[in-house]
Amino acid sequence: MAETSQRLNVLYCDALESETKQLSLNDKSAEKMAKEEIKIQKAIIKEEARAEREHDKKMSTIVTVKTITRSKKKSVTVVSGLDIFNLDLKKMSKMFSGHFACGSSVSKNVLGQEEITIQGDFSDDVVDILHKDYPEIPHDNIHAIEEKKKKKPV
């Protein structure tokens, strides 16, 4: 006689959105299913921990807006610390250059982090734009700093 087919249960994981192995319902497959479920739960816990670490890193990152005086009346505004927030720095640079009608570029600093350099003293305006247009950056983490070059003794 022909064998009767058994019903297959498919276990889906909502968090990972992937289909696990199809297992039939007998003793060995029940053990496999339990082990598979444990693996999935561990993967979910790891993913949640990674997301929490990433969120903590974003919340603790400080965005600095520095105004550096180059010569007597020339100054440059440097915005650093934005690369952690997964923002497109080239688009931001282009937006700043269009908004302030000046030159703006993305470059790497000594530490290897990307920063936006804007020609001119726009630190207050940049802070206002970051508060208004980018809500994913915490307002408490944006700091404006003004640096001046020391005069050489004559």
Protein backbone atom coordinates (compact mmCIF):
# COMPACT_ATOMS: atom_id res chain seq x y z
CA MET A 1 0.00 0.00 0.00
CA ALA A 2 0.99 3.56 -0.49
CA GLU A 3 2.48 5.42 2.44
CA THR A 4 0.39 8.07 4.06
CA SER A 5 1.85 11.52 3.97
CA GLN A 6 2.36 13.41 7.19
CA ARG A 7 1.62 17.04 7.64
CA LEU A 8 4.70 19.32 7.66
CA ASN A 9 4.91 22.22 10.06
CA VAL A 10 7.01 25.17 8.92
CA LEU A 11 8.44 27.41 11.63
CA TYR A 12 8.79 31.07 10.64
CA CYS A 13 10.88 33.61 12.48
CA ASP A 14 9.30 37.07 12.45
CA ALA A 15 12.45 38.94 13.50
CA LEU A 16 14.77 37.41 10.92
CA GLU A 17 12.06 37.04 8.26
CA SER A 18 13.51 33.76 7.06
CA GLU A 19 12.08 30.32 6.69
CA THR A 20 13.66 27.65 8.86
CA LYS A 21 14.09 24.06 7.80
CA GLN A 22 10.93 22.12 7.21
CA LEU A 23 10.66 19.35 9.75
CA SER A 24 8.17 16.53 10.05
CA LEU A 25 6.55 15.81 13.40
CA ASN A 26 8.28 12.82 14.93
CA ASP A 27 10.58 12.49 17.94
CA LYS A 28 13.82 13.37 16.16
CA SER A 29 12.31 16.27 14.30
CA ALA A 30 10.79 17.66 17.50
CA GLU A 31 14.28 17.72 19.03
CA LYS A 32 15.63 19.35 15.88
CA MET A 33 12.83 21.87 16.01
CA ALA A 34 13.62 22.71 19.63
CA LYS A 35 17.32 23.16 18.81
CA GLU A 36 16.43 25.26 15.79
CA GLU A 37 14.14 27.42 17.91
CA ILE A 38 16.94 27.94 20.45
CA LYS A 39 19.28 29.02 17.63
CA ILE A 40 16.68 31.46 16.36
CA GLN A 41 16.13 32.90 19.84
CA LYS A 42 19.89 33.38 20.27
CA ALA A 43 20.05 35.14 16.89
CA ILE A 44 17.19 37.43 17.90
CA ILE A 45 18.90 38.27 21.21
CA LYS A 46 22.17 39.04 19.39
CA GLU A 47 20.36 41.27 16.89
CA GLU A 48 18.58 43.17 19.67
CA ALA A 49 21.86 43.63 21.57
CA ARG A 50 23.59 44.90 18.41
CA ALA A 51 20.78 47.38 17.76
CA GLU A 52 20.94 48.59 21.37
CA ARG A 53 24.73 49.07 21.18
CA GLU A 54 24.34 51.01 17.94
CA HIS A 55 21.65 53.20 19.50
CA ASP A 56 23.82 53.87 22.58
CA LYS A 57 26.74 54.77 20.33
CA LYS A 58 24.59 57.25 18.41
CA MET A 59 23.28 58.81 21.61
CA SER A 60 26.79 59.24 23.05
CA THR A 61 28.39 60.63 19.87
CA ILE A 62 29.09 64.35 19.95
CA VAL A 63 28.64 66.39 16.78
CA THR A 64 31.09 69.29 16.85
CA VAL A 65 30.68 72.46 14.82
CA LYS A 66 34.02 74.30 14.90
CA THR A 67 34.86 77.69 13.51
CA ILE A 68 38.55 77.93 12.71
CA THR A 69 40.11 81.29 11.84
CA ARG A 70 42.55 80.88 8.96
CA SER A 71 43.79 84.42 8.51
CA LYS A 72 42.63 87.86 9.62
CA LYS A 73 39.15 87.77 8.09
CA LYS A 74 39.01 84.26 6.68
CA SER A 75 37.38 81.45 8.60
CA VAL A 76 36.22 77.89 8.03
CA THR A 77 33.38 75.98 9.71
CA VAL A 78 34.06 72.27 10.25
CA VAL A 79 31.24 69.84 11.13
CA SER A 80 32.45 66.47 12.42
CA GLY A 81 30.84 63.45 14.06
CA LEU A 82 28.01 63.05 11.54
CA ASP A 83 29.29 59.83 9.97
CA ILE A 84 27.95 57.74 12.90
CA PHE A 85 24.34 58.69 12.04
CA ASN A 86 24.45 57.12 8.53
CA LEU A 87 23.77 60.45 6.84
CA ASP A 88 24.91 61.15 3.30
CA LEU A 89 27.64 63.73 3.96
CA LYS A 90 28.04 64.65 0.28
CA LYS A 91 24.37 65.61 0.05
CA MET A 92 24.65 67.58 3.29
CA SER A 93 27.75 69.35 1.96
CA LYS A 94 25.95 70.28 -1.23
CA MET A 95 22.95 71.51 0.79
CA PHE A 96 25.22 73.67 2.98
CA SER A 97 27.03 75.14 -0.05
CA GLY A 98 23.70 75.99 -1.71
CA HIS A 99 22.17 77.37 1.48
CA PHE A 100 25.13 79.58 2.42
CA ALA A 101 26.33 80.37 -1.15
CA CYS A 102 29.87 79.24 -0.38
CA GLY A 103 32.25 76.35 -0.96
CA SER A 104 31.75 73.16 0.99
CA SER A 105 33.45 69.76 0.87
CA VAL A 106 33.71 66.41 2.62
CA SER A 107 37.17 65.41 3.81
CA LYS A 108 38.79 63.08 6.31
CA ASN A 109 40.41 64.43 9.45
CA VAL A 110 43.54 63.16 11.19
CA LEU A 111 41.58 60.41 12.98
CA GLY A 112 40.17 59.11 9.69
CA GLN A 113 36.63 60.33 10.33
CA GLU A 114 34.76 62.20 7.62
CA GLU A 115 33.88 65.83 8.25
CA ILE A 116 32.23 68.64 6.31
CA THR A 117 34.28 71.79 5.71
CA ILE A 118 32.34 74.98 4.92
CA GLN A 119 34.08 78.18 3.85
CA GLY A 120 32.96 80.99 6.14
CA ASP A 121 31.73 81.47 9.70
CA PHE A 122 28.34 79.71 9.75
CA SER A 123 28.52 77.79 13.04
CA ASP A 124 25.28 79.21 14.51
CA ASP A 125 23.35 78.66 11.29
CA VAL A 126 24.70 75.10 10.91
CA VAL A 127 23.59 74.24 14.45
CA ASP A 128 20.11 75.61 13.70
CA ILE A 129 19.88 73.61 10.46
CA LEU A 130 21.01 70.41 12.21
CA HIS A 131 18.35 70.92 14.90
CA LYS A 132 15.60 71.65 12.40
CA ASP A 133 16.29 69.27 9.49
CA TYR A 134 17.89 66.25 11.19
CA PRO A 135 15.81 65.03 14.15
CA GLU A 136 17.81 61.77 14.38
CA ILE A 137 20.72 63.76 15.83
CA PRO A 138 20.09 64.41 19.55
CA HIS A 139 19.98 68.15 20.28
CA ASP A 140 22.12 67.80 23.40
CA ASN A 141 24.95 66.21 21.40
CA ILE A 142 25.55 69.18 19.06
CA HIS A 143 28.29 71.47 20.35
CA ALA A 144 29.61 74.68 18.75
CA ILE A 145 33.29 75.48 19.34
CA GLU A 146 35.28 78.49 18.17
CA GLU A 147 39.02 78.17 17.68
CA LYS A 148 41.41 81.00 16.97
CA LYS A 149 45.00 80.70 15.91
CA LYS A 150 47.49 82.01 18.40
CA LYS A 151 49.42 85.07 17.34
CA LYS A 152 53.11 84.56 16.86
CA PRO A 153 55.26 86.68 19.16
CA VAL A 154 57.10 89.42 17.31
